Amino acid sequence: MIKLIAGEKGSGKTKKMIDMANEMVESTLGNVVFVDVNNKNMYNLKHDIRFVNIKEYNVNDMENLMSFISGIMCRDHDIDSIFIDGLLKLKSIEMNDILDNIDNIKSLSEKFDTNFVISLSCNEDNLPESLKELAS
């Protein structure tokens, strides 16, 4: 499953994702990973959640991100959910990059039975049609 949380800056996307991750880690037998572009929210997550600041690993474009996520999944076969916050905050990732890679994310999700929750800083009405069905 892929779920997109879209909204303008300051609309509560990150808080919603943190709440979802904290609830998920209490109810799943698998592992939960929270990927962010900074350490600001690290201490808002329960300690059982694996927090990753992708900037510490020089992830700066969609190709690097997909490889990085695949590596995380390769290392841990028990991942239930991966939360990716602030994807469009990375300088070189744009909406078209997400469109070009959404099928790759779907494939990872289906092949490894992993949920993805991704936040995007844009109004849900401005999402491309192919992404609107994934938005909540």
Protein backbone atom coordinates (compact mmCIF):
# COMPACT_ATOMS: atom_id res chain seq x y z
CA MET A 1 0.00 0.00 0.00
CA ILE A 2 1.14 3.51 -0.78
CA LYS A 3 -0.48 6.45 0.92
CA LEU A 4 0.32 10.06 0.08
CA ILE A 5 -0.30 12.83 2.58
CA ALA A 6 -0.44 16.08 0.66
CA GLY A 7 -0.92 19.59 1.95
CA GLU A 8 0.60 23.01 2.10
CA LYS A 9 3.46 23.79 4.48
CA GLY A 10 2.17 23.98 8.05
CA SER A 11 -0.96 21.92 7.39
CA GLY A 12 -0.02 19.16 9.86
CA LYS A 13 1.35 16.50 7.51
CA THR A 14 4.39 15.69 9.64
CA LYS A 15 2.39 15.49 12.87
CA LYS A 16 -0.09 13.17 11.17
CA MET A 17 2.75 10.95 9.94
CA ILE A 18 4.41 10.87 13.37
CA ASP A 19 1.10 9.90 14.97
CA MET A 20 0.55 7.20 12.34
CA ALA A 21 4.07 5.80 12.82
CA ASN A 22 3.74 5.79 16.61
CA GLU A 23 0.40 3.97 16.35
CA MET A 24 1.76 1.54 13.77
CA VAL A 25 4.75 0.50 15.87
CA GLU A 26 2.36 -0.47 18.70
CA SER A 27 0.18 -2.68 16.51
CA THR A 28 2.56 -4.39 14.08
CA LEU A 29 4.87 -7.33 14.49
CA GLY A 30 7.17 -5.85 11.84
CA ASN A 31 9.53 -2.90 11.95
CA VAL A 32 8.70 0.72 11.21
CA VAL A 33 11.14 3.12 9.52
CA PHE A 34 10.75 6.91 9.47
CA VAL A 35 12.81 8.73 6.83
CA ASP A 36 13.21 12.50 7.09
CA VAL A 37 15.41 15.27 5.69
CA ASN A 38 16.51 16.52 9.14
CA ASN A 39 16.59 15.45 12.79
CA LYS A 40 13.90 17.88 13.98
CA ASN A 41 11.25 15.25 14.70
CA MET A 42 13.47 12.39 15.82
CA TYR A 43 12.46 12.66 19.48
CA ASN A 44 8.73 12.74 18.68
CA LEU A 45 8.91 9.14 17.49
CA LYS A 46 8.76 6.11 19.77
CA HIS A 47 12.16 4.54 20.30
CA ASP A 48 11.18 1.33 18.48
CA ILE A 49 10.91 3.25 15.21
CA ARG A 50 14.07 3.33 13.08
CA PHE A 51 14.71 6.99 12.30
CA VAL A 52 16.85 7.88 9.27
CA ASN A 53 17.98 11.36 8.24
CA ILE A 54 18.65 10.83 4.53
CA LYS A 55 20.80 13.95 4.25
CA GLU A 56 23.36 12.22 6.48
CA TYR A 57 23.72 9.63 3.71
CA ASN A 58 24.02 12.13 0.82
CA VAL A 59 20.67 11.14 -0.65
CA ASN A 60 19.78 14.08 -2.87
CA ASP A 61 17.77 12.77 -5.80
CA MET A 62 15.11 10.20 -6.57
CA GLU A 63 17.53 7.62 -7.95
CA ASN A 64 19.60 7.77 -4.75
CA LEU A 65 16.45 7.61 -2.65
CA MET A 66 15.13 4.52 -4.43
CA SER A 67 18.50 2.79 -4.01
CA PHE A 68 18.66 3.83 -0.37
CA ILE A 69 15.14 2.54 0.38
CA SER A 70 15.92 -0.72 -1.44
CA GLY A 71 19.05 -1.07 0.69
CA ILE A 72 17.08 -0.55 3.90
CA MET A 73 14.56 -3.17 2.80
CA CYS A 74 17.34 -5.58 1.77
CA ARG A 75 18.94 -5.26 5.21
CA ASP A 76 15.71 -5.76 7.16
CA HIS A 77 13.15 -8.21 5.78
CA ASP A 78 10.75 -7.48 8.65
CA ILE A 79 9.86 -3.91 7.68
CA ASP A 80 6.12 -3.38 7.81
CA SER A 81 6.00 0.34 7.02
CA ILE A 82 8.26 3.08 5.72
CA PHE A 83 7.29 6.70 6.33
CA ILE A 84 9.01 9.29 4.12
CA ASP A 85 8.52 12.88 5.26
CA GLY A 86 9.34 15.99 3.27
CA LEU A 87 10.22 14.30 0.00
CA LEU A 88 9.88 17.51 -2.02
CA LYS A 89 12.19 19.32 0.43
CA LEU A 90 15.15 17.67 -1.25
CA LYS A 91 16.44 20.19 -3.78
CA SER A 92 16.61 17.93 -6.79
CA ILE A 93 13.36 15.99 -6.29
CA GLU A 94 10.31 17.37 -8.06
CA MET A 95 6.80 16.11 -8.63
CA ASN A 96 7.78 14.63 -12.02
CA ASP A 97 10.44 12.51 -10.29
CA ILE A 98 7.79 11.09 -8.00
CA LEU A 99 5.50 10.41 -10.96
CA ASP A 100 8.34 8.65 -12.77
CA ASN A 101 9.08 6.44 -9.75
CA ILE A 102 5.69 5.75 -8.19
CA ASP A 103 5.48 2.41 -10.04
CA ASN A 104 8.87 1.43 -8.58
CA ILE A 105 7.60 2.26 -5.10
CA LYS A 106 4.41 0.27 -5.77
CA SER A 107 6.52 -2.65 -6.94
CA LEU A 108 8.62 -2.59 -3.75
CA SER A 109 5.47 -2.31 -1.67
CA GLU A 110 3.83 -5.32 -3.32
CA LYS A 111 6.92 -7.51 -3.62
CA PHE A 112 7.97 -7.08 0.01
CA ASP A 113 4.54 -6.46 1.57
CA THR A 114 5.64 -3.08 2.90
CA ASN A 115 3.45 -0.02 3.40
CA PHE A 116 4.73 3.36 2.28
CA VAL A 117 3.42 6.65 3.65
CA ILE A 118 4.87 9.70 1.91
CA SER A 119 4.25 13.37 2.63
CA LEU A 120 4.29 15.96 -0.14
CA SER A 121 4.25 19.72 0.40
CA CYS A 122 1.64 20.63 -2.16
CA ASN A 123 -2.09 21.13 -2.18
CA GLU A 124 -3.90 17.85 -2.78
CA ASP A 125 -5.90 19.52 -5.55
CA ASN A 126 -2.63 20.21 -7.41
CA LEU A 127 -1.51 16.58 -7.41
CA PRO A 128 -1.34 14.90 -10.80
CA GLU A 129 -4.37 12.68 -11.41
CA SER A 130 -2.33 9.49 -11.14
CA LEU A 131 -1.29 10.44 -7.59
CA LYS A 132 -4.66 11.70 -6.35
CA GLU A 133 -5.94 8.14 -5.87
CA LEU A 134 -3.10 7.57 -3.37
CA ALA A 135 -3.78 10.74 -1.38
CA SER A 136 -5.66 10.84 1.88
